[in-house]
PDB file of all heavy atoms in Angstrom:
ATOM      1  N   ARG A   1     -11.787   7.174  10.986  1.00  0.00           N
ATOM      2  CA  ARG A   1     -13.150   7.720  10.938  1.00  0.00           C
ATOM      3  C   ARG A   1     -13.166   9.221  10.660  1.00  0.00           C
ATOM      4  O   ARG A   1     -14.126   9.732  10.116  1.00  0.00           O
ATOM      5  CB  ARG A   1     -13.874   7.433  12.243  1.00  0.00           C
ATOM      6  CG  ARG A   1     -14.217   5.980  12.424  1.00  0.00           C
ATOM      7  CD  ARG A   1     -15.020   5.792  13.695  1.00  0.00           C
ATOM      8  NE  ARG A   1     -15.209   4.388  13.992  1.00  0.00           N
ATOM      9  CZ  ARG A   1     -15.145   3.875  15.199  1.00  0.00           C
ATOM     10  NH1 ARG A   1     -14.892   4.654  16.228  1.00  0.00           N
ATOM     11  NH2 ARG A   1     -15.340   2.599  15.395  1.00  0.00           N
ATOM     12  N   GLU A   2     -12.110   9.930  11.053  1.00  0.00           N
ATOM     13  CA  GLU A   2     -12.070  11.372  10.814  1.00  0.00           C
ATOM     14  C   GLU A   2     -11.974  11.685   9.330  1.00  0.00           C
ATOM     15  O   GLU A   2     -12.636  12.585   8.840  1.00  0.00           O
ATOM     16  CB  GLU A   2     -10.899  12.009  11.561  1.00  0.00           C
ATOM     17  CG  GLU A   2     -11.089  12.051  13.050  1.00  0.00           C
ATOM     18  CD  GLU A   2      -9.923  12.708  13.770  1.00  0.00           C
ATOM     19  OE1 GLU A   2      -9.150  13.432  13.118  1.00  0.00           O
ATOM     20  OE2 GLU A   2      -9.801  12.501  14.977  1.00  0.00           O
ATOM     21  N   THR A   3     -11.130  10.943   8.616  1.00  0.00           N
ATOM     22  CA  THR A   3     -10.962  11.184   7.186  1.00  0.00           C
ATOM     23  C   THR A   3     -11.882  10.312   6.348  1.00  0.00           C
ATOM     24  O   THR A   3     -12.131  10.616   5.190  1.00  0.00           O
ATOM     25  CB  THR A   3      -9.516  10.928   6.757  1.00  0.00           C
ATOM     26  OG1 THR A   3      -9.181   9.568   7.020  1.00  0.00           O
ATOM     27  CG2 THR A   3      -8.556  11.845   7.467  1.00  0.00           C
ATOM     28  N   GLY A   4     -12.348   9.201   6.911  1.00  0.00           N
ATOM     29  CA  GLY A   4     -13.198   8.273   6.172  1.00  0.00           C
ATOM     30  C   GLY A   4     -12.407   7.414   5.207  1.00  0.00           C
ATOM     31  O   GLY A   4     -12.962   6.830   4.276  1.00  0.00           O
ATOM     32  N   LYS A   5     -11.098   7.318   5.413  1.00  0.00           N
ATOM     33  CA  LYS A   5     -10.233   6.563   4.505  1.00  0.00           C
ATOM     34  C   LYS A   5      -9.544   5.416   5.237  1.00  0.00           C
ATOM     35  O   LYS A   5      -9.464   5.395   6.446  1.00  0.00           O
ATOM     36  CB  LYS A   5      -9.182   7.490   3.896  1.00  0.00           C
ATOM     37  CG  LYS A   5      -9.815   8.562   3.027  1.00  0.00           C
ATOM     38  CD  LYS A   5      -8.782   9.360   2.309  1.00  0.00           C
ATOM     39  CE  LYS A   5      -9.475  10.335   1.367  1.00  0.00           C
ATOM     40  NZ  LYS A   5      -8.578  10.761   0.318  1.00  0.00           N
ATOM     41  N   ILE A   6      -9.035   4.467   4.452  1.00  0.00           N
ATOM     42  CA  ILE A   6      -8.303   3.324   4.996  1.00  0.00           C
ATOM     43  C   ILE A   6      -6.809   3.616   4.913  1.00  0.00           C
ATOM     44  O   ILE A   6      -6.327   4.151   3.912  1.00  0.00           O
ATOM     45  CB  ILE A   6      -8.628   2.044   4.209  1.00  0.00           C
ATOM     46  CG1 ILE A   6     -10.078   1.650   4.455  1.00  0.00           C
ATOM     47  CG2 ILE A   6      -7.692   0.912   4.598  1.00  0.00           C
ATOM     48  CD1 ILE A   6     -10.521   0.436   3.683  1.00  0.00           C
ATOM     49  N   GLU A   7      -6.078   3.243   5.960  1.00  0.00           N
ATOM     50  CA  GLU A   7      -4.628   3.424   6.002  1.00  0.00           C
ATOM     51  C   GLU A   7      -3.944   2.071   6.125  1.00  0.00           C
ATOM     52  O   GLU A   7      -4.397   1.212   6.889  1.00  0.00           O
ATOM     53  CB  GLU A   7      -4.232   4.286   7.198  1.00  0.00           C
ATOM     54  CG  GLU A   7      -4.810   5.672   7.176  1.00  0.00           C
ATOM     55  CD  GLU A   7      -4.488   6.477   8.424  1.00  0.00           C
ATOM     56  OE1 GLU A   7      -3.769   5.960   9.314  1.00  0.00           O
ATOM     57  OE2 GLU A   7      -4.961   7.625   8.500  1.00  0.00           O
ATOM     58  N   LEU A   8      -2.865   1.903   5.369  1.00  0.00           N
ATOM     59  CA  LEU A   8      -2.038   0.698   5.458  1.00  0.00           C
ATOM     60  C   LEU A   8      -0.664   1.128   5.947  1.00  0.00           C
ATOM     61  O   LEU A   8       0.002   1.944   5.315  1.00  0.00           O
ATOM     62  CB  LEU A   8      -1.900   0.016   4.090  1.00  0.00           C
ATOM     63  CG  LEU A   8      -3.183  -0.374   3.372  1.00  0.00           C
ATOM     64  CD1 LEU A   8      -2.842  -0.987   2.016  1.00  0.00           C
ATOM     65  CD2 LEU A   8      -3.999  -1.329   4.197  1.00  0.00           C
ATOM     66  N   HIS A   9      -0.240   0.581   7.072  1.00  0.00           N
ATOM     67  CA  HIS A   9       1.059   0.919   7.652  1.00  0.00           C
ATOM     68  C   HIS A   9       2.012  -0.260   7.490  1.00  0.00           C
ATOM     69  O   HIS A   9       1.737  -1.352   7.974  1.00  0.00           O
ATOM     70  CB  HIS A   9       0.911   1.246   9.146  1.00  0.00           C
ATOM     71  CG  HIS A   9       0.128   2.481   9.408  1.00  0.00           C
ATOM     72  ND1 HIS A   9       0.712   3.709   9.558  1.00  0.00           N
ATOM     73  CD2 HIS A   9      -1.215   2.690   9.512  1.00  0.00           C
ATOM     74  CE1 HIS A   9      -0.227   4.618   9.771  1.00  0.00           C
ATOM     75  NE2 HIS A   9      -1.402   4.018   9.735  1.00  0.00           N
ATOM     76  N   PHE A  10       3.121  -0.023   6.783  1.00  0.00           N
ATOM     77  CA  PHE A  10       4.188  -1.013   6.700  1.00  0.00           C
ATOM     78  C   PHE A  10       5.483  -0.331   6.286  1.00  0.00           C
ATOM     79  O   PHE A  10       5.475   0.820   5.844  1.00  0.00           O
ATOM     80  CB  PHE A  10       3.830  -2.175   5.757  1.00  0.00           C
ATOM     81  CG  PHE A  10       3.427  -1.765   4.364  1.00  0.00           C
ATOM     82  CD1 PHE A  10       4.359  -1.634   3.358  1.00  0.00           C
ATOM     83  CD2 PHE A  10       2.097  -1.550   4.069  1.00  0.00           C
ATOM     84  CE1 PHE A  10       3.977  -1.284   2.077  1.00  0.00           C
ATOM     85  CE2 PHE A  10       1.700  -1.201   2.800  1.00  0.00           C
ATOM     86  CZ  PHE A  10       2.650  -1.066   1.796  1.00  0.00           C
ATOM     87  N   GLU A  11       6.587  -1.021   6.467  1.00  0.00           N
ATOM     88  CA  GLU A  11       7.916  -0.459   6.231  1.00  0.00           C
ATOM     89  C   GLU A  11       8.232  -0.362   4.739  1.00  0.00           C
ATOM     90  O   GLU A  11       7.684  -1.092   3.923  1.00  0.00           O
ATOM     91  CB  GLU A  11       8.979  -1.330   6.900  1.00  0.00           C
ATOM     92  CG  GLU A  11       8.836  -1.445   8.399  1.00  0.00           C
ATOM     93  CD  GLU A  11       9.051  -0.125   9.111  1.00  0.00           C
ATOM     94  OE1 GLU A  11       9.943   0.641   8.710  1.00  0.00           O
ATOM     95  OE2 GLU A  11       8.299   0.141  10.063  1.00  0.00           O
ATOM     96  N   LYS A  12       9.164   0.527   4.411  1.00  0.00           N
ATOM     97  CA  LYS A  12       9.583   0.692   3.021  1.00  0.00           C
ATOM     98  C   LYS A  12      10.216  -0.579   2.486  1.00  0.00           C
ATOM     99  O   LYS A  12      10.036  -0.932   1.324  1.00  0.00           O
ATOM    100  CB  LYS A  12      10.569   1.860   2.915  1.00  0.00           C
ATOM    101  CG  LYS A  12      10.966   2.177   1.498  1.00  0.00           C
ATOM    102  CD  LYS A  12      11.838   3.405   1.427  1.00  0.00           C
ATOM    103  CE  LYS A  12      12.154   3.730  -0.011  1.00  0.00           C
ATOM    104  NZ  LYS A  12      12.961   4.946  -0.129  1.00  0.00           N
ATOM    105  N   SER A  13      10.936  -1.299   3.348  1.00  0.00           N
ATOM    106  CA  SER A  13      11.571  -2.546   2.906  1.00  0.00           C
ATOM    107  C   SER A  13      10.523  -3.569   2.490  1.00  0.00           C
ATOM    108  O   SER A  13      10.735  -4.322   1.534  1.00  0.00           O
ATOM    109  CB  SER A  13      12.462  -3.108   4.015  1.00  0.00           C
ATOM    110  OG  SER A  13      11.684  -3.370   5.173  1.00  0.00           O
ATOM    111  N   GLU A  14       9.375  -3.599   3.194  1.00  0.00           N
ATOM    112  CA  GLU A  14       8.293  -4.506   2.820  1.00  0.00           C
ATOM    113  C   GLU A  14       7.740  -4.134   1.452  1.00  0.00           C
ATOM    114  O   GLU A  14       7.424  -5.003   0.643  1.00  0.00           O
ATOM    115  CB  GLU A  14       7.163  -4.465   3.850  1.00  0.00           C
ATOM    116  CG  GLU A  14       7.522  -5.043   5.198  1.00  0.00           C
ATOM    117  CD  GLU A  14       6.363  -4.928   6.172  1.00  0.00           C
ATOM    118  OE1 GLU A  14       5.366  -5.638   5.975  1.00  0.00           O
ATOM    119  OE2 GLU A  14       6.479  -4.123   7.107  1.00  0.00           O
ATOM    120  N   TYR A  15       7.636  -2.830   1.184  1.00  0.00           N
ATOM    121  CA  TYR A  15       7.155  -2.377  -0.116  1.00  0.00           C
ATOM    122  C   TYR A  15       8.119  -2.792  -1.217  1.00  0.00           C
ATOM    123  O   TYR A  15       7.701  -3.270  -2.271  1.00  0.00           O
ATOM    124  CB  TYR A  15       6.972  -0.853  -0.122  1.00  0.00           C
ATOM    125  CG  TYR A  15       6.679  -0.307  -1.491  1.00  0.00           C
ATOM    126  CD1 TYR A  15       5.406  -0.423  -2.047  1.00  0.00           C
ATOM    127  CD2 TYR A  15       7.662   0.311  -2.246  1.00  0.00           C
ATOM    128  CE1 TYR A  15       5.128   0.059  -3.307  1.00  0.00           C
ATOM    129  CE2 TYR A  15       7.401   0.804  -3.509  1.00  0.00           C
ATOM    130  CZ  TYR A  15       6.132   0.669  -4.041  1.00  0.00           C
ATOM    131  OH  TYR A  15       5.872   1.145  -5.295  1.00  0.00           O
ATOM    132  N   GLN A  16       9.404  -2.625  -0.968  1.00  0.00           N
ATOM    133  CA  GLN A  16      10.404  -2.953  -1.985  1.00  0.00           C
ATOM    134  C   GLN A  16      10.450  -4.450  -2.280  1.00  0.00           C
ATOM    135  O   GLN A  16      10.804  -4.851  -3.391  1.00  0.00           O
ATOM    136  CB  GLN A  16      11.775  -2.458  -1.550  1.00  0.00           C
ATOM    137  CG  GLN A  16      11.850  -0.940  -1.551  1.00  0.00           C
ATOM    138  CD  GLN A  16      13.128  -0.404  -0.946  1.00  0.00           C
ATOM    139  OE1 GLN A  16      13.761  -1.070  -0.125  1.00  0.00           O
ATOM    140  NE2 GLN A  16      13.501   0.805  -1.323  1.00  0.00           N
ATOM    141  N   GLU A  17      10.079  -5.288  -1.315  1.00  0.00           N
ATOM    142  CA  GLU A  17      10.080  -6.731  -1.514  1.00  0.00           C
ATOM    143  C   GLU A  17       8.833  -7.236  -2.234  1.00  0.00           C
ATOM    144  O   GLU A  17       8.787  -8.387  -2.648  1.00  0.00           O
ATOM    145  CB  GLU A  17      10.200  -7.442  -0.162  1.00  0.00           C
ATOM    146  CG  GLU A  17      11.535  -7.238   0.505  1.00  0.00           C
ATOM    147  CD  GLU A  17      11.573  -7.755   1.933  1.00  0.00           C
ATOM    148  OE1 GLU A  17      10.554  -8.309   2.406  1.00  0.00           O
ATOM    149  OE2 GLU A  17      12.620  -7.605   2.571  1.00  0.00           O
ATOM    150  N   MET A  18       7.818  -6.367  -2.382  1.00  0.00           N
ATOM    151  CA  MET A  18       6.567  -6.783  -3.028  1.00  0.00           C
ATOM    152  C   MET A  18       6.789  -7.089  -4.505  1.00  0.00           C
ATOM    153  O   MET A  18       7.557  -6.403  -5.177  1.00  0.00           O
ATOM    154  CB  MET A  18       5.526  -5.660  -2.963  1.00  0.00           C
ATOM    155  CG  MET A  18       4.807  -5.511  -1.694  1.00  0.00           C
ATOM    156  SD  MET A  18       3.554  -4.216  -1.920  1.00  0.00           S
ATOM    157  CE  MET A  18       2.971  -4.103  -0.268  1.00  0.00           C
ATOM    158  N   PRO A  19       6.074  -8.089  -5.022  1.00  0.00           N
ATOM    159  CA  PRO A  19       6.102  -8.324  -6.470  1.00  0.00           C
ATOM    160  C   PRO A  19       5.432  -7.152  -7.206  1.00  0.00           C
ATOM    161  O   PRO A  19       4.634  -6.415  -6.620  1.00  0.00           O
ATOM    162  CB  PRO A  19       5.277  -9.602  -6.648  1.00  0.00           C
ATOM    163  CG  PRO A  19       5.021 -10.136  -5.295  1.00  0.00           C
ATOM    164  CD  PRO A  19       5.313  -9.074  -4.300  1.00  0.00           C
ATOM    165  N   GLU A  20       5.753  -6.989  -8.467  1.00  0.00           N
ATOM    166  CA  GLU A  20       5.219  -5.879  -9.248  1.00  0.00           C
ATOM    167  C   GLU A  20       3.692  -5.882  -9.301  1.00  0.00           C
ATOM    168  O   GLU A  20       3.072  -4.832  -9.295  1.00  0.00           O
ATOM    169  CB  GLU A  20       5.791  -5.902 -10.671  1.00  0.00           C
ATOM    170  CG  GLU A  20       7.242  -5.500 -10.754  1.00  0.00           C
ATOM    171  CD  GLU A  20       7.501  -4.095 -10.213  1.00  0.00           C
ATOM    172  OE1 GLU A  20       6.734  -3.162 -10.521  1.00  0.00           O
ATOM    173  OE2 GLU A  20       8.475  -3.936  -9.453  1.00  0.00           O
ATOM    174  N   GLU A  21       3.073  -7.039  -9.344  1.00  0.00           N
ATOM    175  CA  GLU A  21       1.610  -7.130  -9.398  1.00  0.00           C
ATOM    176  C   GLU A  21       0.984  -6.527  -8.135  1.00  0.00           C
ATOM    177  O   GLU A  21       0.000  -5.787  -8.211  1.00  0.00           O
ATOM    178  CB  GLU A  21       1.164  -8.581  -9.569  1.00  0.00           C
ATOM    179  CG  GLU A  21      -0.329  -8.783  -9.616  1.00  0.00           C
ATOM    180  CD  GLU A  21      -1.001  -8.101 -10.789  1.00  0.00           C
ATOM    181  OE1 GLU A  21      -0.346  -7.820 -11.807  1.00  0.00           O
ATOM    182  OE2 GLU A  21      -2.215  -7.828 -10.675  1.00  0.00           O
ATOM    183  N   GLN A  22       1.558  -6.828  -6.973  1.00  0.00           N
ATOM    184  CA  GLN A  22       1.038  -6.265  -5.728  1.00  0.00           C
ATOM    185  C   GLN A  22       1.269  -4.756  -5.666  1.00  0.00           C
ATOM    186  O   GLN A  22       0.424  -4.017  -5.163  1.00  0.00           O
ATOM    187  CB  GLN A  22       1.670  -6.941  -4.516  1.00  0.00           C
ATOM    188  CG  GLN A  22       1.122  -8.321  -4.255  1.00  0.00           C
ATOM    189  CD  GLN A  22       1.654  -8.907  -2.958  1.00  0.00           C
ATOM    190  OE1 GLN A  22       2.696  -8.477  -2.442  1.00  0.00           O
ATOM    191  NE2 GLN A  22       0.941  -9.874  -2.423  1.00  0.00           N
ATOM    192  N   LYS A  23       2.407  -4.288  -6.168  1.00  0.00           N
ATOM    193  CA  LYS A  23       2.665  -2.849  -6.199  1.00  0.00           C
ATOM    194  C   LYS A  23       1.640  -2.144  -7.081  1.00  0.00           C
ATOM    195  O   LYS A  23       1.160  -1.065  -6.761  1.00  0.00           O
ATOM    196  CB  LYS A  23       4.070  -2.559  -6.722  1.00  0.00           C
ATOM    197  CG  LYS A  23       5.165  -2.873  -5.741  1.00  0.00           C
ATOM    198  CD  LYS A  23       6.513  -2.531  -6.331  1.00  0.00           C
ATOM    199  CE  LYS A  23       7.636  -2.912  -5.396  1.00  0.00           C
ATOM    200  NZ  LYS A  23       8.967  -2.627  -5.963  1.00  0.00           N
ATOM    201  N   ARG A  24       1.266  -2.771  -8.201  1.00  0.00           N
ATOM    202  CA  ARG A  24       0.276  -2.200  -9.103  1.00  0.00           C
ATOM    203  C   ARG A  24      -1.079  -2.089  -8.407  1.00  0.00           C
ATOM    204  O   ARG A  24      -1.747  -1.064  -8.493  1.00  0.00           O
ATOM    205  CB  ARG A  24       0.156  -3.048 -10.372  1.00  0.00           C
ATOM    206  CG  ARG A  24      -0.729  -2.442 -11.433  1.00  0.00           C
ATOM    207  CD  ARG A  24      -0.949  -3.379 -12.599  1.00  0.00           C
ATOM    208  NE  ARG A  24      -1.637  -4.611 -12.215  1.00  0.00           N
ATOM    209  CZ  ARG A  24      -2.942  -4.690 -11.913  1.00  0.00           C
ATOM    210  NH1 ARG A  24      -3.689  -3.629 -11.952  1.00  0.00           N
ATOM    211  NH2 ARG A  24      -3.486  -5.853 -11.592  1.00  0.00           N
ATOM    212  N   ILE A  25      -1.469  -3.151  -7.682  1.00  0.00           N
ATOM    213  CA  ILE A  25      -2.735  -3.137  -6.945  1.00  0.00           C
ATOM    214  C   ILE A  25      -2.706  -2.040  -5.881  1.00  0.00           C
ATOM    215  O   ILE A  25      -3.676  -1.290  -5.720  1.00  0.00           O
ATOM    216  CB  ILE A  25      -3.004  -4.510  -6.304  1.00  0.00           C
ATOM    217  CG1 ILE A  25      -3.282  -5.555  -7.382  1.00  0.00           C
ATOM    218  CG2 ILE A  25      -4.145  -4.443  -5.312  1.00  0.00           C
ATOM    219  CD1 ILE A  25      -3.296  -6.983  -6.866  1.00  0.00           C
ATOM    220  N   LEU A  26      -1.604  -1.933  -5.154  1.00  0.00           N
ATOM    221  CA  LEU A  26      -1.468  -0.923  -4.107  1.00  0.00           C
ATOM    222  C   LEU A  26      -1.580   0.481  -4.682  1.00  0.00           C
ATOM    223  O   LEU A  26      -2.354   1.304  -4.191  1.00  0.00           O
ATOM    224  CB  LEU A  26      -0.129  -1.099  -3.383  1.00  0.00           C
ATOM    225  CG  LEU A  26       0.181  -0.114  -2.267  1.00  0.00           C
ATOM    226  CD1 LEU A  26      -0.756  -0.329  -1.096  1.00  0.00           C
ATOM    227  CD2 LEU A  26       1.622  -0.257  -1.823  1.00  0.00           C
ATOM    228  N   LYS A  27      -0.842   0.763  -5.747  1.00  0.00           N
ATOM    229  CA  LYS A  27      -0.828   2.109  -6.319  1.00  0.00           C
ATOM    230  C   LYS A  27      -2.151   2.479  -6.985  1.00  0.00           C
ATOM    231  O   LYS A  27      -2.474   3.658  -7.087  1.00  0.00           O
ATOM    232  CB  LYS A  27       0.305   2.232  -7.330  1.00  0.00           C
ATOM    233  CG  LYS A  27       1.666   2.246  -6.692  1.00  0.00           C
ATOM    234  CD  LYS A  27       2.746   2.337  -7.752  1.00  0.00           C
ATOM    235  CE  LYS A  27       4.126   2.283  -7.154  1.00  0.00           C
ATOM    236  NZ  LYS A  27       5.164   2.330  -8.190  1.00  0.00           N
ATOM    237  N   SER A  28      -2.914   1.491  -7.436  1.00  0.00           N
ATOM    238  CA  SER A  28      -4.190   1.820  -8.071  1.00  0.00           C
ATOM    239  C   SER A  28      -5.262   2.179  -7.048  1.00  0.00           C
ATOM    240  O   SER A  28      -6.244   2.834  -7.397  1.00  0.00           O
ATOM    241  CB  SER A  28      -4.667   0.670  -8.960  1.00  0.00           C
ATOM    242  OG  SER A  28      -5.039  -0.441  -8.171  1.00  0.00           O
ATOM    243  N   ASN A  29      -5.109   1.769  -5.800  1.00  0.00           N
ATOM    244  CA  ASN A  29      -6.118   2.031  -4.772  1.00  0.00           C
ATOM    245  C   ASN A  29      -5.650   2.944  -3.649  1.00  0.00           C
ATOM    246  O   ASN A  29      -6.480   3.419  -2.867  1.00  0.00           O
ATOM    247  CB  ASN A  29      -6.588   0.708  -4.157  1.00  0.00           C
ATOM    248  CG  ASN A  29      -7.369  -0.111  -5.142  1.00  0.00           C
ATOM    249  OD1 ASN A  29      -8.504   0.209  -5.445  1.00  0.00           O
ATOM    250  ND2 ASN A  29      -6.754  -1.154  -5.680  1.00  0.00           N
ATOM    251  N   TYR A  30      -4.349   3.188  -3.526  1.00  0.00           N
ATOM    252  CA  TYR A  30      -3.805   3.947  -2.400  1.00  0.00           C
ATOM    253  C   TYR A  30      -2.762   4.955  -2.876  1.00  0.00           C
ATOM    254  O   TYR A  30      -2.118   4.762  -3.896  1.00  0.00           O
ATOM    255  CB  TYR A  30      -3.139   3.006  -1.386  1.00  0.00           C
ATOM    256  CG  TYR A  30      -4.119   2.096  -0.696  1.00  0.00           C
ATOM    257  CD1 TYR A  30      -4.481   0.875  -1.257  1.00  0.00           C
ATOM    258  CD2 TYR A  30      -4.695   2.455   0.513  1.00  0.00           C
ATOM    259  CE1 TYR A  30      -5.399   0.049  -0.631  1.00  0.00           C
ATOM    260  CE2 TYR A  30      -5.612   1.636   1.145  1.00  0.00           C
ATOM    261  CZ  TYR A  30      -5.954   0.444   0.570  1.00  0.00           C
ATOM    262  OH  TYR A  30      -6.870  -0.371   1.198  1.00  0.00           O
TER     263      TYR A  30
END
């Protein structure tokens, strides 16, 4: 609420296991 933004918390290993399509969605919005 202080920044008015959404935060997603997860480990780097989870990010590395993501398919490229999900990484594209993540990087386009976050």
